Amino acid sequence: MAGEYLSQLTQLENDLNENNGAFTDAINARLSQTVSAMTGQQISVEEYLRVMQLFFRRYERERNRDGQHYCAIRMLQLQHVLKRRRHHYELVTGDRIPESYVAYIYDKSQFYRQTFRLLQQRLLLLTLVLFVILFLLLHFVLIQTNSVALVEAVVISLLIFLYSFIRMPKLFMLSQLEAAGRNVENVLLEFDYPIVSGH
């Protein structure tokens, strides 16, 4: 039942705060047990975010950047899914991100947005290079007039840019998750897999 694990997760977080953010063996064991019990169960949006937040804090403490990236991207992905209002994760109930998490997700996913912006800039640069090459090929190799070569080069470059621009966010997110997931422990991946696969 959604919401039944929230008190356990809140208690874990309180114990962690009392321990100055240090993950003791006891806290790690309780976190793993709680998350294992949640695997495959119906949970709330807040419970899902709380799990990712706890693991983010743990990976931050361990300086495991891949683990941090994984948790941040999954929270961001859930936020995107809920904004669309059409596709939901079957095992996660709720239709919006609690206000208390919005700023947290924004802050922790900065690396992702910055990298994605850089990727978009590179795509634009590649499109311009492609346009120049196409124009030169059409004009000098296929002996077309300037205006025809210009129009064809613009249309082809624009179509390739739009296709790549539309597909890029999903492909980039998946590639980032796959790369980061290699340094995430099994208990978190096993918890997350039924949620993602049910999407």
Protein backbone atom coordinates (compact mmCIF):
# COMPACT_ATOMS: atom_id res chain seq x y z
CA MET A 1 0.00 0.00 0.00
CA ALA A 2 1.38 3.42 -0.97
CA GLY A 3 2.58 5.46 1.98
CA GLU A 4 3.22 2.61 4.42
CA TYR A 5 7.02 2.95 4.21
CA LEU A 6 7.16 6.72 4.63
CA SER A 7 7.45 6.63 8.43
CA GLN A 8 10.36 4.14 8.23
CA LEU A 9 12.15 6.29 5.66
CA THR A 10 11.53 9.45 7.72
CA GLN A 11 12.92 7.72 10.82
CA LEU A 12 15.98 6.65 8.83
CA GLU A 13 16.48 10.22 7.70
CA ASN A 14 16.11 11.52 11.27
CA ASP A 15 18.63 8.98 12.56
CA LEU A 16 20.99 9.97 9.77
CA ASN A 17 20.67 13.67 10.64
CA GLU A 18 21.29 12.91 14.33
CA ASN A 19 24.44 11.07 13.25
CA ASN A 20 25.69 14.15 11.32
CA GLY A 21 24.92 12.51 7.97
CA ALA A 22 27.20 9.54 8.61
CA PHE A 23 25.93 6.18 7.37
CA THR A 24 26.69 3.64 10.09
CA ASP A 25 26.45 -0.11 9.44
CA ALA A 26 23.12 -0.14 11.30
CA ILE A 27 21.67 2.68 9.17
CA ASN A 28 22.94 1.04 5.97
CA ALA A 29 21.39 -2.28 6.98
CA ARG A 30 18.03 -0.65 7.81
CA LEU A 31 18.06 1.27 4.53
CA SER A 32 18.75 -1.90 2.55
CA GLN A 33 16.05 -3.85 4.44
CA THR A 34 13.45 -1.11 3.96
CA VAL A 35 14.22 -0.71 0.25
CA SER A 36 14.19 -4.50 -0.27
CA ALA A 37 10.76 -4.67 1.38
CA MET A 38 9.52 -1.88 -0.94
CA THR A 39 10.69 -3.67 -4.10
CA GLY A 40 7.75 -4.43 -6.39
CA GLN A 41 5.25 -2.77 -4.00
CA GLN A 42 2.93 0.15 -4.68
CA ILE A 43 4.60 3.26 -3.24
CA SER A 44 3.94 7.00 -3.19
CA VAL A 45 5.86 9.64 -5.12
CA GLU A 46 7.30 10.91 -1.83
CA GLU A 47 8.48 7.43 -0.80
CA TYR A 48 10.25 6.98 -4.13
CA LEU A 49 11.91 10.38 -3.87
CA ARG A 50 12.89 9.74 -0.25
CA VAL A 51 14.65 6.50 -1.23
CA MET A 52 16.55 8.26 -4.01
CA GLN A 53 17.41 11.15 -1.70
CA LEU A 54 18.78 8.81 0.99
CA PHE A 55 20.91 6.93 -1.53
CA PHE A 56 22.07 10.23 -3.04
CA ARG A 57 23.26 11.34 0.40
CA ARG A 58 25.04 8.03 0.88
CA TYR A 59 26.78 8.20 -2.50
CA GLU A 60 27.66 11.84 -1.83
CA ARG A 61 29.29 10.76 1.44
CA GLU A 62 31.16 7.98 -0.39
CA ARG A 63 32.14 10.38 -3.21
CA ASN A 64 30.45 8.05 -5.69
CA ARG A 65 29.55 10.54 -8.44
CA ASP A 66 27.95 7.89 -10.65
CA GLY A 67 25.64 6.90 -7.80
CA GLN A 68 24.73 10.55 -7.24
CA HIS A 69 24.05 11.02 -10.96
CA TYR A 70 21.84 7.92 -11.05
CA CYS A 71 19.67 9.09 -8.15
CA ALA A 72 19.42 12.68 -9.44
CA ILE A 73 18.49 11.57 -12.97
CA ARG A 74 15.84 9.15 -11.69
CA MET A 75 14.24 11.93 -9.60
CA LEU A 76 14.36 14.26 -12.61
CA GLN A 77 12.89 11.54 -14.83
CA LEU A 78 9.98 11.02 -12.42
CA GLN A 79 9.38 14.77 -12.43
CA HIS A 80 9.23 14.78 -16.26
CA VAL A 81 6.87 11.79 -16.29
CA LEU A 82 4.48 13.44 -13.84
CA LYS A 83 4.52 16.74 -15.77
CA ARG A 84 3.33 14.94 -18.92
CA ARG A 85 0.25 13.66 -17.03
CA ARG A 86 -0.24 10.87 -19.59
CA HIS A 87 2.34 8.27 -18.66
CA HIS A 88 2.77 7.20 -15.08
CA TYR A 89 4.79 4.57 -13.35
CA GLU A 90 2.32 1.86 -12.37
CA LEU A 91 3.99 1.21 -9.02
CA VAL A 92 4.27 4.89 -8.04
CA THR A 93 1.06 6.62 -6.98
CA GLY A 94 0.59 10.37 -7.03
CA ASP A 95 0.41 12.94 -9.78
CA ARG A 96 2.92 15.59 -8.71
CA ILE A 97 6.25 16.15 -7.01
CA PRO A 98 5.90 17.53 -3.45
CA GLU A 99 7.00 21.19 -3.27
CA SER A 100 9.71 20.32 -0.77
CA TYR A 101 11.51 18.26 -3.45
CA VAL A 102 11.28 20.61 -6.45
CA ALA A 103 14.25 22.80 -5.47
CA TYR A 104 16.22 19.73 -4.32
CA ILE A 105 15.79 17.98 -7.69
CA TYR A 106 16.69 21.18 -9.55
CA ASP A 107 19.85 21.61 -7.48
CA LYS A 108 21.03 17.99 -7.66
CA SER A 109 20.44 17.65 -11.41
CA GLN A 110 22.44 20.74 -12.44
CA PHE A 111 25.26 18.61 -13.85
CA TYR A 112 22.73 16.88 -16.14
CA ARG A 113 21.24 20.12 -17.45
CA GLN A 114 24.68 21.67 -18.04
CA THR A 115 25.91 18.61 -19.93
CA PHE A 116 22.71 18.48 -21.96
CA ARG A 117 23.03 22.18 -22.86
CA LEU A 118 26.59 21.55 -24.05
CA LEU A 119 25.34 18.63 -26.14
CA GLN A 120 22.67 20.85 -27.74
CA GLN A 121 25.31 23.44 -28.63
CA ARG A 122 27.43 20.73 -30.25
CA LEU A 123 24.42 19.50 -32.20
CA LEU A 124 23.82 23.02 -33.50
CA LEU A 125 27.49 23.35 -34.49
CA LEU A 126 27.43 19.96 -36.25
CA THR A 127 24.27 20.99 -38.09
CA LEU A 128 25.98 24.16 -39.36
CA VAL A 129 29.00 22.14 -40.51
CA LEU A 130 26.67 19.65 -42.22
CA PHE A 131 24.84 22.53 -43.92
CA VAL A 132 28.10 23.94 -45.34
CA ILE A 133 29.28 20.51 -46.56
CA LEU A 134 25.90 19.75 -48.16
CA PHE A 135 25.78 23.15 -49.85
CA LEU A 136 29.28 22.70 -51.29
CA LEU A 137 28.51 19.14 -52.47
CA LEU A 138 25.23 20.16 -54.07
CA HIS A 139 26.70 23.23 -55.73
CA PHE A 140 30.10 21.98 -56.91
CA VAL A 141 29.72 18.21 -57.24
CA LEU A 142 26.10 17.94 -58.38
CA ILE A 143 26.35 21.27 -60.25
CA GLN A 144 23.16 22.85 -58.85
CA THR A 145 22.44 26.57 -58.80
CA ASN A 146 23.15 28.56 -55.63
CA SER A 147 19.48 28.97 -54.73
CA VAL A 148 18.58 25.27 -55.26
CA ALA A 149 21.68 24.07 -53.38
CA LEU A 150 20.93 26.51 -50.55
CA VAL A 151 17.29 25.42 -50.17
CA GLU A 152 18.13 21.70 -50.32
CA ALA A 153 21.01 22.07 -47.84
CA VAL A 154 18.79 24.04 -45.43
CA VAL A 155 15.92 21.51 -45.64
CA ILE A 156 18.15 18.44 -45.17
CA SER A 157 20.13 20.04 -42.33
CA LEU A 158 16.96 21.25 -40.62
CA LEU A 159 15.30 17.82 -40.81
CA ILE A 160 18.38 16.10 -39.37
CA PHE A 161 18.61 18.75 -36.62
CA LEU A 162 14.92 18.43 -35.66
CA TYR A 163 15.05 14.62 -35.61
CA SER A 164 18.17 14.65 -33.43
CA PHE A 165 16.82 17.42 -31.18
CA ILE A 166 13.59 15.51 -30.52
CA ARG A 167 15.32 12.16 -29.89
CA MET A 168 18.29 13.50 -27.96
CA PRO A 169 16.73 14.11 -24.48
CA LYS A 170 15.48 10.54 -24.09
CA LEU A 171 18.61 8.93 -25.54
CA PHE A 172 20.89 11.14 -23.45
CA MET A 173 18.99 10.37 -20.24
CA LEU A 174 19.06 6.62 -20.95
CA SER A 175 22.78 6.65 -21.74
CA GLN A 176 23.51 8.61 -18.55
CA LEU A 177 21.44 6.18 -16.47
CA GLU A 178 23.13 3.17 -18.03
CA ALA A 179 26.61 4.57 -17.39
CA ALA A 180 25.82 5.67 -13.82
CA GLY A 181 24.00 2.42 -13.01
CA ARG A 182 27.24 0.46 -13.19
CA ASN A 183 28.33 1.97 -9.86
CA VAL A 184 25.00 1.62 -8.07
CA GLU A 185 24.40 -1.25 -5.69
CA ASN A 186 22.00 -4.06 -6.52
CA VAL A 187 19.47 -3.30 -3.78
CA LEU A 188 18.72 0.08 -5.41
CA LEU A 189 18.68 -1.31 -8.96
CA GLU A 190 16.36 -4.16 -7.89
CA PHE A 191 14.05 -1.62 -6.22
CA ASP A 192 14.08 0.64 -9.29
CA TYR A 193 13.78 -1.95 -12.07
CA PRO A 194 10.10 -2.96 -11.54
CA ILE A 195 9.17 0.74 -11.45
CA VAL A 196 11.03 1.61 -14.66
CA SER A 197 9.97 -1.55 -16.51
CA GLY A 198 6.32 -0.89 -15.66
CA HIS A 199 6.51 2.55 -17.31
